[in-house]
Amino acid sequence: MENTLDPQLIYNVFTGRGFPVQRIDHFDRGDYAQVRVDLNYTETLSVNQLQEITFKLDIIEKHENVELRVVNIDMSHQSMRINLHIKNNDINPQT
């Protein structure tokens, strides 16, 4: 992912990994977005389910070259808030 300006791309990435997107905020910054996704689990998470979530998020980070930070897991509302940061791809910065 080169930037966050196309919210549909963000929807597709997260939905494709089993996290249906509820909303995306601040995507217009281009290098950052706040994403709220659905968690398809019951009111609690087992350790194995938590590992599954982390595994899926790790795959998104690697495949999309982004950094994800989990801000909140809300099992009452079965959702998770994630901050998405675009990694700097500039190998040769201007001097």
Protein backbone atom coordinates (compact mmCIF):
# COMPACT_ATOMS: atom_id res chain seq x y z
CA MET A 1 0.00 0.00 0.00
CA GLU A 2 1.57 3.28 -1.11
CA ASN A 3 -0.82 5.64 0.67
CA THR A 4 -4.15 5.77 2.47
CA LEU A 5 -5.93 8.09 0.04
CA ASP A 6 -8.10 5.30 -1.44
CA PRO A 7 -10.35 4.07 1.38
CA GLN A 8 -11.68 1.26 -0.84
CA LEU A 9 -8.21 -0.29 -0.87
CA ILE A 10 -8.17 -0.25 2.93
CA TYR A 11 -11.64 -1.83 3.00
CA ASN A 12 -10.48 -4.56 0.60
CA VAL A 13 -7.27 -5.34 2.50
CA PHE A 14 -8.92 -5.74 5.90
CA THR A 15 -12.08 -7.44 4.64
CA GLY A 16 -9.95 -9.87 2.64
CA ARG A 17 -8.26 -10.98 5.87
CA GLY A 18 -11.52 -11.46 7.77
CA PHE A 19 -11.87 -8.03 9.36
CA PRO A 20 -14.94 -6.29 7.90
CA VAL A 21 -14.38 -2.53 8.16
CA GLN A 22 -16.90 -0.43 10.08
CA ARG A 23 -15.26 2.93 9.38
CA ILE A 24 -12.05 4.65 8.33
CA ASP A 25 -11.00 8.06 9.65
CA HIS A 26 -8.13 10.41 8.74
CA PHE A 27 -7.28 8.48 5.56
CA ASP A 28 -6.93 11.78 3.70
CA ARG A 29 -3.56 12.38 5.39
CA GLY A 30 -2.08 9.93 2.92
CA ASP A 31 0.30 8.20 5.33
CA TYR A 32 -2.06 7.33 8.18
CA ALA A 33 -5.58 6.11 8.85
CA GLN A 34 -7.66 5.06 11.83
CA VAL A 35 -9.56 1.88 11.04
CA ARG A 36 -12.34 0.26 13.05
CA VAL A 37 -13.05 -3.36 12.13
CA ASP A 38 -15.53 -6.02 13.20
CA LEU A 39 -14.30 -9.00 15.19
CA ASN A 40 -16.29 -12.11 14.40
CA TYR A 41 -15.87 -13.63 17.83
CA THR A 42 -18.08 -14.02 20.89
CA GLU A 43 -17.92 -11.72 23.91
CA THR A 44 -14.50 -13.04 24.93
CA LEU A 45 -11.31 -14.04 23.16
CA SER A 46 -9.35 -17.19 23.83
CA VAL A 47 -5.57 -17.10 23.59
CA ASN A 48 -5.76 -19.01 20.29
CA GLN A 49 -8.25 -16.51 18.86
CA LEU A 50 -6.00 -13.63 19.90
CA GLN A 51 -3.07 -15.36 18.18
CA GLU A 52 -5.19 -15.75 15.05
CA ILE A 53 -5.93 -12.00 15.05
CA THR A 54 -2.25 -11.16 15.47
CA PHE A 55 -1.28 -13.58 12.72
CA LYS A 56 -3.75 -11.98 10.30
CA LEU A 57 -2.58 -8.47 11.20
CA ASP A 58 1.04 -9.56 10.74
CA ILE A 59 0.19 -10.80 7.24
CA ILE A 60 -1.42 -7.45 6.40
CA GLU A 61 1.68 -5.60 7.64
CA LYS A 62 4.04 -7.72 5.54
CA HIS A 63 1.97 -7.89 2.35
CA GLU A 64 0.97 -4.23 2.35
CA ASN A 65 4.23 -2.78 3.76
CA VAL A 66 2.39 -0.92 6.52
CA GLU A 67 2.70 -0.64 10.28
CA LEU A 68 -0.38 -1.50 12.32
CA ARG A 69 -0.96 -0.52 15.94
CA VAL A 70 -3.89 -1.96 17.86
CA VAL A 71 -5.40 0.87 19.87
CA ASN A 72 -8.43 -0.86 21.32
CA ILE A 73 -10.16 -4.23 21.35
CA ASP A 74 -13.79 -3.80 22.41
CA MET A 75 -15.39 -7.19 22.91
CA SER A 76 -18.65 -5.61 24.11
CA HIS A 77 -19.08 -4.25 20.59
CA GLN A 78 -16.98 -6.98 18.93
CA SER A 79 -14.69 -4.47 17.28
CA MET A 80 -11.08 -3.40 17.16
CA ARG A 81 -9.51 -0.01 16.43
CA ILE A 82 -6.22 0.03 14.55
CA ASN A 83 -3.91 2.85 13.53
CA LEU A 84 -2.42 2.22 10.11
CA HIS A 85 0.85 3.91 9.16
CA ILE A 86 2.42 3.76 5.71
CA LYS A 87 6.06 2.75 5.96
CA ASN A 88 8.50 5.14 4.37
CA ASN A 89 9.49 3.64 1.01
CA ASP A 90 11.96 6.40 0.20
CA ILE A 91 15.24 4.50 -0.06
CA ASN A 92 17.23 7.49 -1.31
CA PRO A 93 16.02 10.53 0.65
CA GLN A 94 16.77 13.90 -0.88
CA THR A 95 19.55 15.87 0.75
